[in-house]
Amino acid sequence: MLYITGSVSIPVDEIEIHAIRAQGAGGQHVNKVASAIHLRFDIGASSLPDVCKQRLLAWQDQRISSEGILMIKAQQFRSQQMNRSDALVRLQTLIRAAMATVRTRRPTCKTQASVARRLARKKRRSETKSLRKKVRD
C-alpha cells in the first residue's frame, strides 16, 4: 500500500513500475543496467476518491496523458531501488497536492487606522516634494 493520507491509500497493484535504461552519459555497464524507473498510474481506474480523480484529470500537466494515465520517470539516482522510491514519493506528493483544498479568500475592509496612516504618508511625501520646487514670488 502507498499511503497518501491517514484515510487514503493506493494498493500497489494499481501502480505499474518498469525498469528502463537511464538516459545520459554513463560509465561501465551503462548498456547493461536498467536503473531508471518508469511509473504508470491509471487515474480513472484507481481507488482514489472521485474528487481527487477529477482534480488530477483537470490539471494541464504534461505527465498526464489524454487517456488519464499519469507517467513519472525517475532517473536521478544510480540505484534502481532509490529511483523506485523517488518515483513513488513524487506520485504521493502529486496526489496530496490534488487532495488539498484551496481556501477561498474572504474580502476584508480597510481599517480606519490604516487609511489614516496612508493619507498621512501621502501628505508628508507631498510636502517634501513641494519644498523641492523653485520659489516663485
Protein backbone atom coordinates (compact mmCIF):
# COMPACT_ATOMS: atom_id res chain seq x y z
CA MET A 1 0.00 0.00 0.00
CA LEU A 2 1.11 3.53 -0.82
CA TYR A 3 -0.25 5.75 1.95
CA ILE A 4 -1.30 9.22 0.82
CA THR A 5 -3.07 10.47 3.95
CA GLY A 6 -4.42 8.78 7.05
CA SER A 7 -7.61 7.70 5.27
CA VAL A 8 -6.48 7.43 1.62
CA SER A 9 -4.10 4.81 0.30
CA ILE A 10 -3.40 3.19 -3.06
CA PRO A 11 -2.90 -0.56 -3.48
CA VAL A 12 0.46 -1.37 -5.07
CA ASP A 13 -1.21 -3.43 -7.83
CA GLU A 14 -2.75 -0.21 -9.26
CA ILE A 15 0.75 1.16 -9.95
CA GLU A 16 2.79 -0.18 -12.88
CA ILE A 17 6.53 0.09 -12.41
CA HIS A 18 9.02 -0.83 -15.12
CA ALA A 19 12.81 -0.59 -15.03
CA ILE A 20 14.36 1.02 -18.11
CA ARG A 21 17.81 2.20 -19.10
CA ALA A 22 18.56 5.71 -17.92
CA GLN A 23 19.41 8.49 -20.35
CA GLY A 24 22.59 10.47 -20.38
CA ALA A 25 26.24 9.70 -20.06
CA GLY A 26 27.36 6.65 -18.19
CA GLY A 27 30.41 4.63 -17.39
CA GLN A 28 30.96 0.93 -17.34
CA HIS A 29 27.87 -1.25 -17.68
CA VAL A 30 25.80 1.69 -18.98
CA ASN A 31 24.14 -0.50 -21.60
CA LYS A 32 23.61 -3.43 -19.25
CA VAL A 33 21.86 -1.94 -16.24
CA ALA A 34 18.25 -0.73 -16.19
CA SER A 35 18.34 1.68 -13.27
CA ALA A 36 15.69 4.24 -14.30
CA ILE A 37 12.07 3.70 -13.30
CA HIS A 38 9.02 4.35 -15.47
CA LEU A 39 5.89 4.57 -13.28
CA ARG A 40 2.39 4.47 -14.80
CA PHE A 41 -0.76 5.15 -12.80
CA ASP A 42 -4.25 4.98 -14.31
CA ILE A 43 -6.20 7.73 -12.57
CA GLY A 44 -9.65 6.71 -13.83
CA ALA A 45 -9.34 3.06 -12.76
CA SER A 46 -7.79 3.83 -9.39
CA SER A 47 -9.36 3.60 -5.95
CA LEU A 48 -8.85 7.30 -5.23
CA PRO A 49 -11.84 9.42 -4.15
CA ASP A 50 -13.81 10.86 -7.08
CA VAL A 51 -12.99 14.45 -6.13
CA CYS A 52 -9.26 13.71 -6.26
CA LYS A 53 -9.62 11.93 -9.61
CA GLN A 54 -11.47 14.89 -11.12
CA ARG A 55 -8.86 17.38 -9.87
CA LEU A 56 -5.99 15.30 -11.23
CA LEU A 57 -7.66 14.88 -14.62
CA ALA A 58 -8.47 18.61 -14.79
CA TRP A 59 -4.81 19.59 -14.40
CA GLN A 60 -2.99 20.62 -17.55
CA ASP A 61 0.09 18.58 -16.68
CA GLN A 62 2.32 17.07 -19.35
CA ARG A 63 2.76 13.94 -17.22
CA ILE A 64 -0.97 13.12 -17.53
CA SER A 65 -1.96 11.71 -20.91
CA SER A 66 -5.30 12.28 -22.63
CA GLU A 67 -6.39 8.77 -21.53
CA GLY A 68 -5.89 9.76 -17.89
CA ILE A 69 -2.66 7.89 -17.28
CA LEU A 70 -0.07 9.57 -15.08
CA MET A 71 3.52 8.81 -16.12
CA ILE A 72 6.54 9.54 -13.95
CA LYS A 73 10.12 8.82 -15.00
CA ALA A 74 12.71 8.69 -12.22
CA GLN A 75 16.38 8.50 -13.19
CA GLN A 76 18.08 10.82 -10.75
CA PHE A 77 19.93 8.13 -8.81
CA ARG A 78 22.24 5.34 -9.94
CA SER A 79 20.39 2.73 -7.94
CA GLN A 80 17.15 1.22 -9.19
CA GLN A 81 15.72 0.98 -5.68
CA MET A 82 16.33 4.67 -4.95
CA ASN A 83 14.75 5.67 -8.27
CA ARG A 84 11.74 3.48 -7.44
CA SER A 85 11.25 5.14 -4.05
CA ASP A 86 11.75 8.58 -5.67
CA ALA A 87 9.01 7.85 -8.23
CA LEU A 88 6.62 6.68 -5.50
CA VAL A 89 7.31 9.79 -3.40
CA ARG A 90 6.66 12.02 -6.42
CA LEU A 91 3.36 10.21 -7.07
CA GLN A 92 2.44 10.61 -3.41
CA THR A 93 3.14 14.37 -3.38
CA LEU A 94 1.23 14.87 -6.63
CA ILE A 95 -1.86 13.16 -5.24
CA ARG A 96 -1.56 15.05 -1.94
CA ALA A 97 -1.47 18.31 -3.88
CA ALA A 98 -4.64 17.30 -5.72
CA MET A 99 -6.39 16.45 -2.46
CA ALA A 100 -5.56 19.77 -0.79
CA THR A 101 -8.47 22.17 -0.81
CA VAL A 102 -7.83 25.80 -1.60
CA ARG A 103 -9.47 28.12 0.89
CA THR A 104 -11.50 30.86 -0.72
CA ARG A 105 -10.40 34.39 0.07
CA ARG A 106 -12.80 36.34 2.18
CA PRO A 107 -12.66 40.03 1.30
CA THR A 108 -11.97 42.37 4.21
CA CYS A 109 -12.37 46.10 4.73
CA LYS A 110 -9.53 48.52 5.39
CA THR A 111 -9.32 49.74 8.95
CA GLN A 112 -9.69 53.43 9.70
CA ALA A 113 -6.20 53.50 11.19
CA SER A 114 -4.61 52.04 8.02
CA VAL A 115 -6.42 54.59 5.85
CA ALA A 116 -5.27 57.41 8.15
CA ARG A 117 -1.64 56.17 8.05
CA ARG A 118 -1.71 56.02 4.25
CA LEU A 119 -3.08 59.55 3.97
CA ALA A 120 -0.50 60.85 6.46
CA ARG A 121 2.33 59.27 4.43
CA LYS A 122 0.96 60.83 1.25
CA LYS A 123 0.75 64.24 2.93
CA ARG A 124 4.36 64.03 4.20
CA ARG A 125 5.61 62.96 0.79
CA SER A 126 3.68 65.79 -0.89
CA GLU A 127 5.17 68.37 1.49
CA THR A 128 8.69 67.03 0.88
CA LYS A 129 8.27 67.31 -2.88
CA SER A 130 6.71 70.79 -2.66
CA LEU A 131 9.76 72.03 -0.73
CA ARG A 132 11.99 70.98 -3.63
CA LYS A 133 10.25 73.31 -6.10
CA LYS A 134 11.61 76.70 -7.06
CA VAL A 135 10.20 79.53 -5.05
CA ARG A 136 8.07 81.94 -7.10
CA ASP A 137 7.16 85.45 -5.99
